[in-house]
Amino acid sequence: MASPAFTVAVVTAVLFGLAHFYAIADDQRALPFFSVFMVLTAVALIVAGVAVLRTRIWPDGRRFALLAAGVWPLATVPAGAALGDVPHFTAIAVWGLLWTTLGAILLNTGVRHP
């Protein structure tokens, strides 16, 4: 039996794939899939961010990276979409920068697995 986290990851990946399919075939159907994908991804990042904060496995400000990457899209992307294209795409671009920062943190944590 699959774990709940794995099931959510598979559902999220399917939504992302469907969103890309519909973005090519019918852009009106793509928006709900992208929206659900974004929310599921953000919630997963928040859950992981809370776990990192509680365990204190990352020192200093790095421990807030997951939480920031999870809270940012929920707090800014819908508001940016309501304000227009530039604020909307700026919010998405900043989310991309948060993902880049998170990737750099993960590459430089020095954790080695056997």
PDB file of N, CA and C in Angstrom:
ATOM      1  N   MET A   1       0.844  -1.186   0.000  1.00  0.00           N
ATOM      2  CA  MET A   1       0.000   0.000   0.000  1.00  0.00           C
ATOM      3  C   MET A   1       0.887   1.247   0.000  1.00  0.00           C
ATOM      4  N   ALA A   2       0.554   2.191  -0.834  1.00  0.00           N
ATOM      5  CA  ALA A   2       1.347   3.420  -0.947  1.00  0.00           C
ATOM      6  C   ALA A   2       1.099   4.330   0.247  1.00  0.00           C
ATOM      7  N   SER A   3       2.137   5.059   0.594  1.00  0.00           N
ATOM      8  CA  SER A   3       1.992   6.000   1.701  1.00  0.00           C
ATOM      9  C   SER A   3       1.137   7.182   1.248  1.00  0.00           C
ATOM     10  N   PRO A   4       0.510   7.876   2.178  1.00  0.00           N
ATOM     11  CA  PRO A   4      -0.303   9.041   1.792  1.00  0.00           C
ATOM     12  C   PRO A   4       0.520  10.119   1.073  1.00  0.00           C
ATOM     13  N   ALA A   5       1.760  10.314   1.495  1.00  0.00           N
ATOM     14  CA  ALA A   5       2.601  11.327   0.842  1.00  0.00           C
ATOM     15  C   ALA A   5       2.882  10.951  -0.606  1.00  0.00           C
ATOM     16  N   PHE A   6       3.135   9.664  -0.853  1.00  0.00           N
ATOM     17  CA  PHE A   6       3.379   9.207  -2.215  1.00  0.00           C
ATOM     18  C   PHE A   6       2.133   9.370  -3.067  1.00  0.00           C
ATOM     19  N   THR A   7       0.981   9.059  -2.505  1.00  0.00           N
ATOM     20  CA  THR A   7      -0.283   9.206  -3.228  1.00  0.00           C
ATOM     21  C   THR A   7      -0.522  10.661  -3.608  1.00  0.00           C
ATOM     22  N   VAL A   8      -0.288  11.574  -2.678  1.00  0.00           N
ATOM     23  CA  VAL A   8      -0.444  13.008  -2.966  1.00  0.00           C
ATOM     24  C   VAL A   8       0.543  13.437  -4.045  1.00  0.00           C
ATOM     25  N   ALA A   9       1.779  12.940  -3.984  1.00  0.00           N
ATOM     26  CA  ALA A   9       2.776  13.288  -4.996  1.00  0.00           C
ATOM     27  C   ALA A   9       2.344  12.813  -6.381  1.00  0.00           C
ATOM     28  N   VAL A  10       1.799  11.605  -6.470  1.00  0.00           N
ATOM     29  CA  VAL A  10       1.342  11.082  -7.762  1.00  0.00           C
ATOM     30  C   VAL A  10       0.160  11.888  -8.286  1.00  0.00           C
ATOM     31  N   VAL A  11      -0.797  12.196  -7.424  1.00  0.00           N
ATOM     32  CA  VAL A  11      -1.951  13.000  -7.837  1.00  0.00           C
ATOM     33  C   VAL A  11      -1.492  14.374  -8.311  1.00  0.00           C
ATOM     34  N   THR A  12      -0.548  14.972  -7.602  1.00  0.00           N
ATOM     35  CA  THR A  12      -0.024  16.286  -7.979  1.00  0.00           C
ATOM     36  C   THR A  12       0.655  16.209  -9.346  1.00  0.00           C
ATOM     37  N   ALA A  13       1.449  15.179  -9.575  1.00  0.00           N
ATOM     38  CA  ALA A  13       2.119  15.025 -10.866  1.00  0.00           C
ATOM     39  C   ALA A  13       1.110  14.824 -11.998  1.00  0.00           C
ATOM     40  N   VAL A  14       0.060  14.062 -11.746  1.00  0.00           N
ATOM     41  CA  VAL A  14      -0.982  13.860 -12.758  1.00  0.00           C
ATOM     42  C   VAL A  14      -1.678  15.178 -13.077  1.00  0.00           C
ATOM     43  N   LEU A  15      -1.990  15.959 -12.044  1.00  0.00           N
ATOM     44  CA  LEU A  15      -2.614  17.268 -12.274  1.00  0.00           C
ATOM     45  C   LEU A  15      -1.712  18.167 -13.116  1.00  0.00           C
ATOM     46  N   PHE A  16      -0.419  18.136 -12.824  1.00  0.00           N
ATOM     47  CA  PHE A  16       0.533  18.951 -13.581  1.00  0.00           C
ATOM     48  C   PHE A  16       0.573  18.502 -15.039  1.00  0.00           C
ATOM     49  N   GLY A  17       0.586  17.190 -15.260  1.00  0.00           N
ATOM     50  CA  GLY A  17       0.571  16.678 -16.627  1.00  0.00           C
ATOM     51  C   GLY A  17      -0.706  17.032 -17.364  1.00  0.00           C
ATOM     52  N   LEU A  18      -1.838  16.903 -16.693  1.00  0.00           N
ATOM     53  CA  LEU A  18      -3.113  17.282 -17.319  1.00  0.00           C
ATOM     54  C   LEU A  18      -3.161  18.774 -17.629  1.00  0.00           C
ATOM     55  N   ALA A  19      -2.619  19.569 -16.736  1.00  0.00           N
ATOM     56  CA  ALA A  19      -2.601  21.017 -16.970  1.00  0.00           C
ATOM     57  C   ALA A  19      -1.792  21.341 -18.218  1.00  0.00           C
ATOM     58  N   HIS A  20      -0.658  20.683 -18.399  1.00  0.00           N
ATOM     59  CA  HIS A  20       0.145  20.940 -19.595  1.00  0.00           C
ATOM     60  C   HIS A  20      -0.561  20.434 -20.850  1.00  0.00           C
ATOM     61  N   PHE A  21      -1.208  19.303 -20.759  1.00  0.00           N
ATOM     62  CA  PHE A  21      -1.959  18.792 -21.904  1.00  0.00           C
ATOM     63  C   PHE A  21      -3.051  19.785 -22.305  1.00  0.00           C
ATOM     64  N   TYR A  22      -3.835  20.217 -21.318  1.00  0.00           N
ATOM     65  CA  TYR A  22      -4.926  21.140 -21.628  1.00  0.00           C
ATOM     66  C   TYR A  22      -4.423  22.523 -22.010  1.00  0.00           C
ATOM     67  N   ALA A  23      -3.248  22.910 -21.557  1.00  0.00           N
ATOM     68  CA  ALA A  23      -2.692  24.197 -21.979  1.00  0.00           C
ATOM     69  C   ALA A  23      -2.449  24.199 -23.482  1.00  0.00           C
ATOM     70  N   ILE A  24      -2.132  23.037 -24.032  1.00  0.00           N
ATOM     71  CA  ILE A  24      -1.935  22.917 -25.474  1.00  0.00           C
ATOM     72  C   ILE A  24      -3.275  22.744 -26.192  1.00  0.00           C
ATOM     73  N   ALA A  25      -4.143  21.909 -25.633  1.00  0.00           N
ATOM     74  CA  ALA A  25      -5.395  21.564 -26.305  1.00  0.00           C
ATOM     75  C   ALA A  25      -6.523  22.566 -26.049  1.00  0.00           C
ATOM     76  N   ASP A  26      -6.665  23.001 -24.809  1.00  0.00           N
ATOM     77  CA  ASP A  26      -7.788  23.864 -24.434  1.00  0.00           C
ATOM     78  C   ASP A  26      -7.393  24.647 -23.184  1.00  0.00           C
ATOM     79  N   ASP A  27      -6.947  25.872 -23.379  1.00  0.00           N
ATOM     80  CA  ASP A  27      -6.378  26.626 -22.262  1.00  0.00           C
ATOM     81  C   ASP A  27      -7.367  26.946 -21.141  1.00  0.00           C
ATOM     82  N   GLN A  28      -8.668  26.916 -21.395  1.00  0.00           N
ATOM     83  CA  GLN A  28      -9.645  27.185 -20.336  1.00  0.00           C
ATOM     84  C   GLN A  28      -9.695  26.047 -19.310  1.00  0.00           C
ATOM     85  N   ARG A  29      -9.444  24.833 -19.752  1.00  0.00           N
ATOM     86  CA  ARG A  29      -9.438  23.700 -18.832  1.00  0.00           C
ATOM     87  C   ARG A  29      -8.126  23.601 -18.050  1.00  0.00           C
ATOM     88  N   ALA A  30      -7.075  24.219 -18.529  1.00  0.00           N
ATOM     89  CA  ALA A  30      -5.766  24.119 -17.882  1.00  0.00           C
ATOM     90  C   ALA A  30      -5.721  24.867 -16.556  1.00  0.00           C
ATOM     91  N   LEU A  31      -6.386  25.991 -16.454  1.00  0.00           N
ATOM     92  CA  LEU A  31      -6.303  26.841 -15.262  1.00  0.00           C
ATOM     93  C   LEU A  31      -6.670  26.117 -13.967  1.00  0.00           C
ATOM     94  N   PRO A  32      -7.767  25.366 -13.895  1.00  0.00           N
ATOM     95  CA  PRO A  32      -8.057  24.665 -12.637  1.00  0.00           C
ATOM     96  C   PRO A  32      -6.993  23.633 -12.263  1.00  0.00           C
ATOM     97  N   PHE A  33      -6.440  22.934 -13.260  1.00  0.00           N
ATOM     98  CA  PHE A  33      -5.407  21.945 -12.968  1.00  0.00           C
ATOM     99  C   PHE A  33      -4.140  22.619 -12.438  1.00  0.00           C
ATOM    100  N   PHE A  34      -3.721  23.717 -13.087  1.00  0.00           N
ATOM    101  CA  PHE A  34      -2.552  24.443 -12.603  1.00  0.00           C
ATOM    102  C   PHE A  34      -2.796  24.989 -11.197  1.00  0.00           C
ATOM    103  N   SER A  35      -3.985  25.467 -10.941  1.00  0.00           N
ATOM    104  CA  SER A  35      -4.302  26.032  -9.628  1.00  0.00           C
ATOM    105  C   SER A  35      -4.238  24.975  -8.535  1.00  0.00           C
ATOM    106  N   VAL A  36      -4.840  23.825  -8.774  1.00  0.00           N
ATOM    107  CA  VAL A  36      -4.810  22.746  -7.778  1.00  0.00           C
ATOM    108  C   VAL A  36      -3.379  22.253  -7.590  1.00  0.00           C
ATOM    109  N   PHE A  37      -2.632  22.143  -8.688  1.00  0.00           N
ATOM    110  CA  PHE A  37      -1.227  21.736  -8.589  1.00  0.00           C
ATOM    111  C   PHE A  37      -0.449  22.707  -7.715  1.00  0.00           C
ATOM    112  N   MET A  38      -0.629  24.007  -7.936  1.00  0.00           N
ATOM    113  CA  MET A  38       0.091  25.010  -7.160  1.00  0.00           C
ATOM    114  C   MET A  38      -0.267  24.914  -5.679  1.00  0.00           C
ATOM    115  N   VAL A  39      -1.533  24.762  -5.373  1.00  0.00           N
ATOM    116  CA  VAL A  39      -1.967  24.695  -3.975  1.00  0.00           C
ATOM    117  C   VAL A  39      -1.413  23.439  -3.301  1.00  0.00           C
ATOM    118  N   LEU A  40      -1.502  22.282  -3.966  1.00  0.00           N
ATOM    119  CA  LEU A  40      -0.965  21.046  -3.382  1.00  0.00           C
ATOM    120  C   LEU A  40       0.542  21.147  -3.157  1.00  0.00           C
ATOM    121  N   THR A  41       1.254  21.714  -4.114  1.00  0.00           N
ATOM    122  CA  THR A  41       2.697  21.886  -3.969  1.00  0.00           C
ATOM    123  C   THR A  41       3.018  22.826  -2.819  1.00  0.00           C
ATOM    124  N   ALA A  42       2.292  23.928  -2.730  1.00  0.00           N
ATOM    125  CA  ALA A  42       2.529  24.896  -1.657  1.00  0.00           C
ATOM    126  C   ALA A  42       2.245  24.286  -0.286  1.00  0.00           C
ATOM    127  N   VAL A  43       1.162  23.549  -0.179  1.00  0.00           N
ATOM    128  CA  VAL A  43       0.829  22.913   1.108  1.00  0.00           C
ATOM    129  C   VAL A  43       1.905  21.896   1.491  1.00  0.00           C
ATOM    130  N   ALA A  44       2.396  21.125   0.520  1.00  0.00           N
ATOM    131  CA  ALA A  44       3.463  20.165   0.799  1.00  0.00           C
ATOM    132  C   ALA A  44       4.723  20.871   1.285  1.00  0.00           C
ATOM    133  N   LEU A  45       5.052  22.006   0.674  1.00  0.00           N
ATOM    134  CA  LEU A  45       6.222  22.774   1.107  1.00  0.00           C
ATOM    135  C   LEU A  45       6.032  23.335   2.510  1.00  0.00           C
ATOM    136  N   ILE A  46       4.824  23.752   2.829  1.00  0.00           N
ATOM    137  CA  ILE A  46       4.556  24.267   4.175  1.00  0.00           C
ATOM    138  C   ILE A  46       4.706  23.161   5.206  1.00  0.00           C
ATOM    139  N   VAL A  47       4.166  21.985   4.911  1.00  0.00           N
ATOM    140  CA  VAL A  47       4.293  20.852   5.834  1.00  0.00           C
ATOM    141  C   VAL A  47       5.771  20.510   6.034  1.00  0.00           C
ATOM    142  N   ALA A  48       6.530  20.446   4.952  1.00  0.00           N
ATOM    143  CA  ALA A  48       7.963  20.159   5.063  1.00  0.00           C
ATOM    144  C   ALA A  48       8.688  21.280   5.797  1.00  0.00           C
ATOM    145  N   GLY A  49       8.287  22.529   5.540  1.00  0.00           N
ATOM    146  CA  GLY A  49       8.902  23.661   6.211  1.00  0.00           C
ATOM    147  C   GLY A  49       8.685  23.649   7.710  1.00  0.00           C
ATOM    148  N   VAL A  50       7.492  23.294   8.147  1.00  0.00           N
ATOM    149  CA  VAL A  50       7.204  23.184   9.580  1.00  0.00           C
ATOM    150  C   VAL A  50       8.059  22.077  10.201  1.00  0.00           C
ATOM    151  N   ALA A  51       8.207  20.960   9.482  1.00  0.00           N
ATOM    152  CA  ALA A  51       9.031  19.862   9.993  1.00  0.00           C
ATOM    153  C   ALA A  51      10.486  20.295  10.134  1.00  0.00           C
ATOM    154  N   VAL A  52      10.995  21.043   9.163  1.00  0.00           N
ATOM    155  CA  VAL A  52      12.377  21.521   9.235  1.00  0.00           C
ATOM    156  C   VAL A  52      12.537  22.503  10.391  1.00  0.00           C
ATOM    157  N   LEU A  53      11.570  23.377  10.587  1.00  0.00           N
ATOM    158  CA  LEU A  53      11.642  24.319  11.713  1.00  0.00           C
ATOM    159  C   LEU A  53      11.629  23.589  13.050  1.00  0.00           C
ATOM    160  N   ARG A  54      10.805  22.577  13.169  1.00  0.00           N
ATOM    161  CA  ARG A  54      10.694  21.844  14.437  1.00  0.00           C
ATOM    162  C   ARG A  54      11.944  21.029  14.744  1.00  0.00           C
ATOM    163  N   THR A  55      12.541  20.436  13.724  1.00  0.00           N
ATOM    164  CA  THR A  55      13.713  19.586  13.962  1.00  0.00           C
ATOM    165  C   THR A  55      15.012  20.373  14.011  1.00  0.00           C
ATOM    166  N   ARG A  56      15.004  21.587  13.486  1.00  0.00           N
ATOM    167  CA  ARG A  56      16.190  22.460  13.474  1.00  0.00           C
ATOM    168  C   ARG A  56      17.392  21.800  12.794  1.00  0.00           C
ATOM    169  N   ILE A  57      17.129  21.090  11.707  1.00  0.00           N
ATOM    170  CA  ILE A  57      18.232  20.421  11.016  1.00  0.00           C
ATOM    171  C   ILE A  57      19.029  21.374  10.127  1.00  0.00           C
ATOM    172  N   TRP A  58      18.431  22.499   9.758  1.00  0.00           N
ATOM    173  CA  TRP A  58      19.162  23.505   8.998  1.00  0.00           C
ATOM    174  C   TRP A  58      19.403  24.702   9.896  1.00  0.00           C
ATOM    175  N   PRO A  59      20.612  25.204   9.920  1.00  0.00           N
ATOM    176  CA  PRO A  59      20.903  26.355  10.778  1.00  0.00           C
ATOM    177  C   PRO A  59      20.421  27.673  10.162  1.00  0.00           C
ATOM    178  N   ASP A  60      20.465  28.701  10.947  1.00  0.00           N
ATOM    179  CA  ASP A  60      20.169  30.097  10.589  1.00  0.00           C
ATOM    180  C   ASP A  60      18.954  30.277   9.686  1.00  0.00           C
ATOM    181  N   GLY A  61      19.003  31.204   8.766  1.00  0.00           N
ATOM    182  CA  GLY A  61      17.849  31.549   7.937  1.00  0.00           C
ATOM    183  C   GLY A  61      17.458  30.500   6.918  1.00  0.00           C
ATOM    184  N   ARG A  62      18.358  29.545   6.659  1.00  0.00           N
ATOM    185  CA  ARG A  62      18.042  28.509   5.664  1.00  0.00           C
ATOM    186  C   ARG A  62      16.832  27.675   6.065  1.00  0.00           C
ATOM    187  N   ARG A  63      16.596  27.556   7.354  1.00  0.00           N
ATOM    188  CA  ARG A  63      15.494  26.711   7.796  1.00  0.00           C
ATOM    189  C   ARG A  63      14.126  27.270   7.418  1.00  0.00           C
ATOM    190  N   PHE A  64      14.067  28.546   7.007  1.00  0.00           N
ATOM    191  CA  PHE A  64      12.803  29.163   6.599  1.00  0.00           C
ATOM    192  C   PHE A  64      12.543  29.055   5.094  1.00  0.00           C
ATOM    193  N   ALA A  65      13.483  28.487   4.343  1.00  0.00           N
ATOM    194  CA  ALA A  65      13.361  28.438   2.877  1.00  0.00           C
ATOM    195  C   ALA A  65      12.153  27.623   2.424  1.00  0.00           C
ATOM    196  N   LEU A  66      11.951  26.450   3.001  1.00  0.00           N
ATOM    197  CA  LEU A  66      10.800  25.625   2.612  1.00  0.00           C
ATOM    198  C   LEU A  66       9.490  26.324   2.944  1.00  0.00           C
ATOM    199  N   LEU A  67       9.434  26.899   4.126  1.00  0.00           N
ATOM    200  CA  LEU A  67       8.214  27.585   4.538  1.00  0.00           C
ATOM    201  C   LEU A  67       7.928  28.779   3.621  1.00  0.00           C
ATOM    202  N   ALA A  68       8.958  29.543   3.294  1.00  0.00           N
ATOM    203  CA  ALA A  68       8.784  30.693   2.396  1.00  0.00           C
ATOM    204  C   ALA A  68       8.305  30.246   1.013  1.00  0.00           C
ATOM    205  N   ALA A  69       8.886  29.151   0.504  1.00  0.00           N
ATOM    206  CA  ALA A  69       8.487  28.642  -0.814  1.00  0.00           C
ATOM    207  C   ALA A  69       7.059  28.106  -0.806  1.00  0.00           C
ATOM    208  N   GLY A  70       6.561  27.712   0.358  1.00  0.00           N
ATOM    209  CA  GLY A  70       5.186  27.236   0.447  1.00  0.00           C
ATOM    210  C   GLY A  70       4.176  28.347   0.656  1.00  0.00           C
ATOM    211  N   VAL A  71       4.539  29.321   1.465  1.00  0.00           N
ATOM    212  CA  VAL A  71       3.608  30.410   1.781  1.00  0.00           C
ATOM    213  C   VAL A  71       3.521  31.412   0.624  1.00  0.00           C
ATOM    214  N   TRP A  72       4.644  31.664  -0.045  1.00  0.00           N
ATOM    215  CA  TRP A  72       4.688  32.694  -1.095  1.00  0.00           C
ATOM    216  C   TRP A  72       3.587  32.554  -2.147  1.00  0.00           C
ATOM    217  N   PRO A  73       3.424  31.398  -2.810  1.00  0.00           N
ATOM    218  CA  PRO A  73       2.427  31.345  -3.882  1.00  0.00           C
ATOM    219  C   PRO A  73       0.994  31.513  -3.377  1.00  0.00           C
ATOM    220  N   LEU A  74       0.721  31.001  -2.188  1.00  0.00           N
ATOM    221  CA  LEU A  74      -0.637  31.149  -1.651  1.00  0.00           C
ATOM    222  C   LEU A  74      -0.936  32.593  -1.286  1.00  0.00           C
ATOM    223  N   ALA A  75       0.089  33.326  -0.866  1.00  0.00           N
ATOM    224  CA  ALA A  75      -0.109  34.703  -0.435  1.00  0.00           C
ATOM    225  C   ALA A  75      -0.051  35.712  -1.576  1.00  0.00           C
ATOM    226  N   THR A  76       0.655  35.391  -2.662  1.00  0.00           N
ATOM    227  CA  THR A  76       0.891  36.421  -3.678  1.00  0.00           C
ATOM    228  C   THR A  76       0.329  36.122  -5.064  1.00  0.00           C
ATOM    229  N   VAL A  77       0.324  34.857  -5.481  1.00  0.00           N
ATOM    230  CA  VAL A  77      -0.091  34.556  -6.855  1.00  0.00           C
ATOM    231  C   VAL A  77      -1.556  34.912  -7.116  1.00  0.00           C
ATOM    232  N   PRO A  78      -2.506  34.546  -6.247  1.00  0.00           N
ATOM    233  CA  PRO A  78      -3.892  34.954  -6.521  1.00  0.00           C
ATOM    234  C   PRO A  78      -4.070  36.479  -6.510  1.00  0.00           C
ATOM    235  N   ALA A  79      -3.413  37.145  -5.567  1.00  0.00           N
ATOM    236  CA  ALA A  79      -3.507  38.618  -5.522  1.00  0.00           C
ATOM    237  C   ALA A  79      -2.873  39.227  -6.767  1.00  0.00           C
ATOM    238  N   GLY A  80      -1.741  38.674  -7.186  1.00  0.00           N
ATOM    239  CA  GLY A  80      -1.099  39.168  -8.408  1.00  0.00           C
ATOM    240  C   GLY A  80      -1.971  38.966  -9.626  1.00  0.00           C
ATOM    241  N   ALA A  81      -2.659  37.827  -9.696  1.00  0.00           N
ATOM    242  CA  ALA A  81      -3.557  37.567 -10.827  1.00  0.00           C
ATOM    243  C   ALA A  81      -4.711  38.555 -10.847  1.00  0.00           C
ATOM    244  N   ALA A  82      -5.191  38.938  -9.670  1.00  0.00           N
ATOM    245  CA  ALA A  82      -6.288  39.907  -9.598  1.00  0.00           C
ATOM    246  C   ALA A  82      -5.831  41.303 -10.020  1.00  0.00           C
ATOM    247  N   LEU A  83      -4.544  41.596  -9.823  1.00  0.00           N
ATOM    248  CA  LEU A  83      -4.030  42.934 -10.139  1.00  0.00           C
ATOM    249  C   LEU A  83      -3.611  43.092 -11.592  1.00  0.00           C
ATOM    250  N   GLY A  84      -3.327  41.989 -12.273  1.00  0.00           N
ATOM    251  CA  GLY A  84      -2.931  42.086 -13.675  1.00  0.00           C
ATOM    252  C   GLY A  84      -1.803  41.129 -14.012  1.00  0.00           C
ATOM    253  N   ASP A  85      -1.395  41.158 -15.278  1.00  0.00           N
ATOM    254  CA  ASP A  85      -0.377  40.222 -15.751  1.00  0.00           C
ATOM    255  C   ASP A  85       0.988  40.430 -15.110  1.00  0.00           C
ATOM    256  N   VAL A  86       1.438  41.676 -15.023  1.00  0.00           N
ATOM    257  CA  VAL A  86       2.788  41.930 -14.493  1.00  0.00           C
ATOM    258  C   VAL A  86       2.905  41.493 -13.028  1.00  0.00           C
ATOM    259  N   PRO A  87       1.998  41.899 -12.135  1.00  0.00           N
ATOM    260  CA  PRO A  87       2.116  41.403 -10.759  1.00  0.00           C
ATOM    261  C   PRO A  87       1.972  39.880 -10.656  1.00  0.00           C
ATOM    262  N   HIS A  88       1.104  39.310 -11.485  1.00  0.00           N
ATOM    263  CA  HIS A  88       0.908  37.860 -11.464  1.00  0.00           C
ATOM    264  C   HIS A  88       2.187  37.128 -11.846  1.00  0.00           C
ATOM    265  N   PHE A  89       2.773  37.506 -12.959  1.00  0.00           N
ATOM    266  CA  PHE A  89       3.974  36.826 -13.418  1.00  0.00           C
ATOM    267  C   PHE A  89       5.191  37.171 -12.560  1.00  0.00           C
ATOM    268  N   THR A  90       5.184  38.336 -11.931  1.00  0.00           N
ATOM    269  CA  THR A  90       6.258  38.673 -10.986  1.00  0.00           C
ATOM    270  C   THR A  90       6.184  37.758  -9.773  1.00  0.00           C
ATOM    271  N   ALA A  91       4.979  37.516  -9.261  1.00  0.00           N
ATOM    272  CA  ALA A  91       4.811  36.610  -8.119  1.00  0.00           C
ATOM    273  C   ALA A  91       5.280  35.200  -8.483  1.00  0.00           C
ATOM    274  N   ILE A  92       4.973  34.749  -9.695  1.00  0.00           N
ATOM    275  CA  ILE A  92       5.410  33.424 -10.138  1.00  0.00           C
ATOM    276  C   ILE A  92       6.930  33.391 -10.297  1.00  0.00           C
ATOM    277  N   ALA A  93       7.512  34.468 -10.822  1.00  0.00           N
ATOM    278  CA  ALA A  93       8.971  34.529 -10.982  1.00  0.00           C
ATOM    279  C   ALA A  93       9.684  34.498  -9.635  1.00  0.00           C
ATOM    280  N   VAL A  94       9.145  35.197  -8.646  1.00  0.00           N
ATOM    281  CA  VAL A  94       9.746  35.165  -7.311  1.00  0.00           C
ATOM    282  C   VAL A  94       9.630  33.763  -6.724  1.00  0.00           C
ATOM    283  N   TRP A  95       8.521  33.083  -6.976  1.00  0.00           N
ATOM    284  CA  TRP A  95       8.391  31.704  -6.516  1.00  0.00           C
ATOM    285  C   TRP A  95       9.483  30.837  -7.140  1.00  0.00           C
ATOM    286  N   GLY A  96       9.781  31.066  -8.414  1.00  0.00           N
ATOM    287  CA  GLY A  96      10.877  30.354  -9.074  1.00  0.00           C
ATOM    288  C   GLY A  96      12.217  30.640  -8.413  1.00  0.00           C
ATOM    289  N   LEU A  97      12.424  31.879  -8.019  1.00  0.00           N
ATOM    290  CA  LEU A  97      13.664  32.224  -7.301  1.00  0.00           C
ATOM    291  C   LEU A  97      13.740  31.536  -5.943  1.00  0.00           C
ATOM    292  N   LEU A  98      12.599  31.422  -5.277  1.00  0.00           N
ATOM    293  CA  LEU A  98      12.575  30.688  -4.003  1.00  0.00           C
ATOM    294  C   LEU A  98      12.917  29.211  -4.217  1.00  0.00           C
ATOM    295  N   TRP A  99      12.420  28.626  -5.300  1.00  0.00           N
ATOM    296  CA  TRP A  99      12.778  27.236  -5.621  1.00  0.00           C
ATOM    297  C   TRP A  99      14.272  27.120  -5.908  1.00  0.00           C
ATOM    298  N   THR A 100      14.828  28.096  -6.621  1.00  0.00           N
ATOM    299  CA  THR A 100      16.262  28.092  -6.912  1.00  0.00           C
ATOM    300  C   THR A 100      17.067  28.185  -5.630  1.00  0.00           C
ATOM    301  N   THR A 101      16.645  29.061  -4.730  1.00  0.00           N
ATOM    302  CA  THR A 101      17.308  29.187  -3.434  1.00  0.00           C
ATOM    303  C   THR A 101      17.228  27.887  -2.657  1.00  0.00           C
ATOM    304  N   LEU A 102      16.065  27.270  -2.661  1.00  0.00           N
ATOM    305  CA  LEU A 102      15.888  25.996  -1.978  1.00  0.00           C
ATOM    306  C   LEU A 102      16.813  24.928  -2.569  1.00  0.00           C
ATOM    307  N   GLY A 103      16.931  24.896  -3.872  1.00  0.00           N
ATOM    308  CA  GLY A 103      17.844  23.941  -4.514  1.00  0.00           C
ATOM    309  C   GLY A 103      19.288  24.181  -4.115  1.00  0.00           C
ATOM    310  N   ALA A 104      19.702  25.447  -4.067  1.00  0.00           N
ATOM    311  CA  ALA A 104      21.070  25.763  -3.644  1.00  0.00           C
ATOM    312  C   ALA A 104      21.316  25.343  -2.197  1.00  0.00           C
ATOM    313  N   ILE A 105      20.329  25.555  -1.351  1.00  0.00           N
ATOM    314  CA  ILE A 105      20.453  25.133   0.049  1.00  0.00           C
ATOM    315  C   ILE A 105      20.615  23.621   0.136  1.00  0.00           C
ATOM    316  N   LEU A 106      19.790  22.893  -0.606  1.00  0.00           N
ATOM    317  CA  LEU A 106      19.864  21.435  -0.573  1.00  0.00           C
ATOM    318  C   LEU A 106      21.198  20.922  -1.114  1.00  0.00           C
ATOM    319  N   LEU A 107      21.739  21.585  -2.123  1.00  0.00           N
ATOM    320  CA  LEU A 107      23.032  21.172  -2.669  1.00  0.00           C
ATOM    321  C   LEU A 107      24.178  21.446  -1.706  1.00  0.00           C
ATOM    322  N   ASN A 108      24.021  22.456  -0.864  1.00  0.00           N
ATOM    323  CA  ASN A 108      25.115  22.870   0.014  1.00  0.00           C
ATOM    324  C   ASN A 108      24.921  22.503   1.474  1.00  0.00           C
ATOM    325  N   THR A 109      24.001  21.605   1.794  1.00  0.00           N
ATOM    326  CA  THR A 109      23.793  21.242   3.185  1.00  0.00           C
ATOM    327  C   THR A 109      24.890  20.347   3.717  1.00  0.00           C
ATOM    328  N   GLY A 110      25.612  19.675   2.861  1.00  0.00           N
ATOM    329  CA  GLY A 110      26.698  18.816   3.301  1.00  0.00           C
ATOM    330  C   GLY A 110      26.214  17.469   3.836  1.00  0.00           C
ATOM    331  N   VAL A 111      24.943  17.169   3.677  1.00  0.00           N
ATOM    332  CA  VAL A 111      24.415  15.888   4.138  1.00  0.00           C
ATOM    333  C   VAL A 111      24.763  14.833   3.091  1.00  0.00           C
ATOM    334  N   ARG A 112      25.371  13.785   3.536  1.00  0.00           N
ATOM    335  CA  ARG A 112      25.739  12.683   2.624  1.00  0.00           C
ATOM    336  C   ARG A 112      25.019  11.423   3.062  1.00  0.00           C
ATOM    337  N   HIS A 113      24.431  10.764   2.103  1.00  0.00           N
ATOM    338  CA  HIS A 113      23.740   9.507   2.390  1.00  0.00           C
ATOM    339  C   HIS A 113      24.566   8.357   1.853  1.00  0.00           C
ATOM    340  N   PRO A 114      24.554   7.213   2.540  1.00  0.00           N
ATOM    341  CA  PRO A 114      25.343   6.057   2.069  1.00  0.00           C
ATOM    342  C   PRO A 114      24.831   5.511   0.765  1.00  0.00           C
TER     343      PRO A 114
END
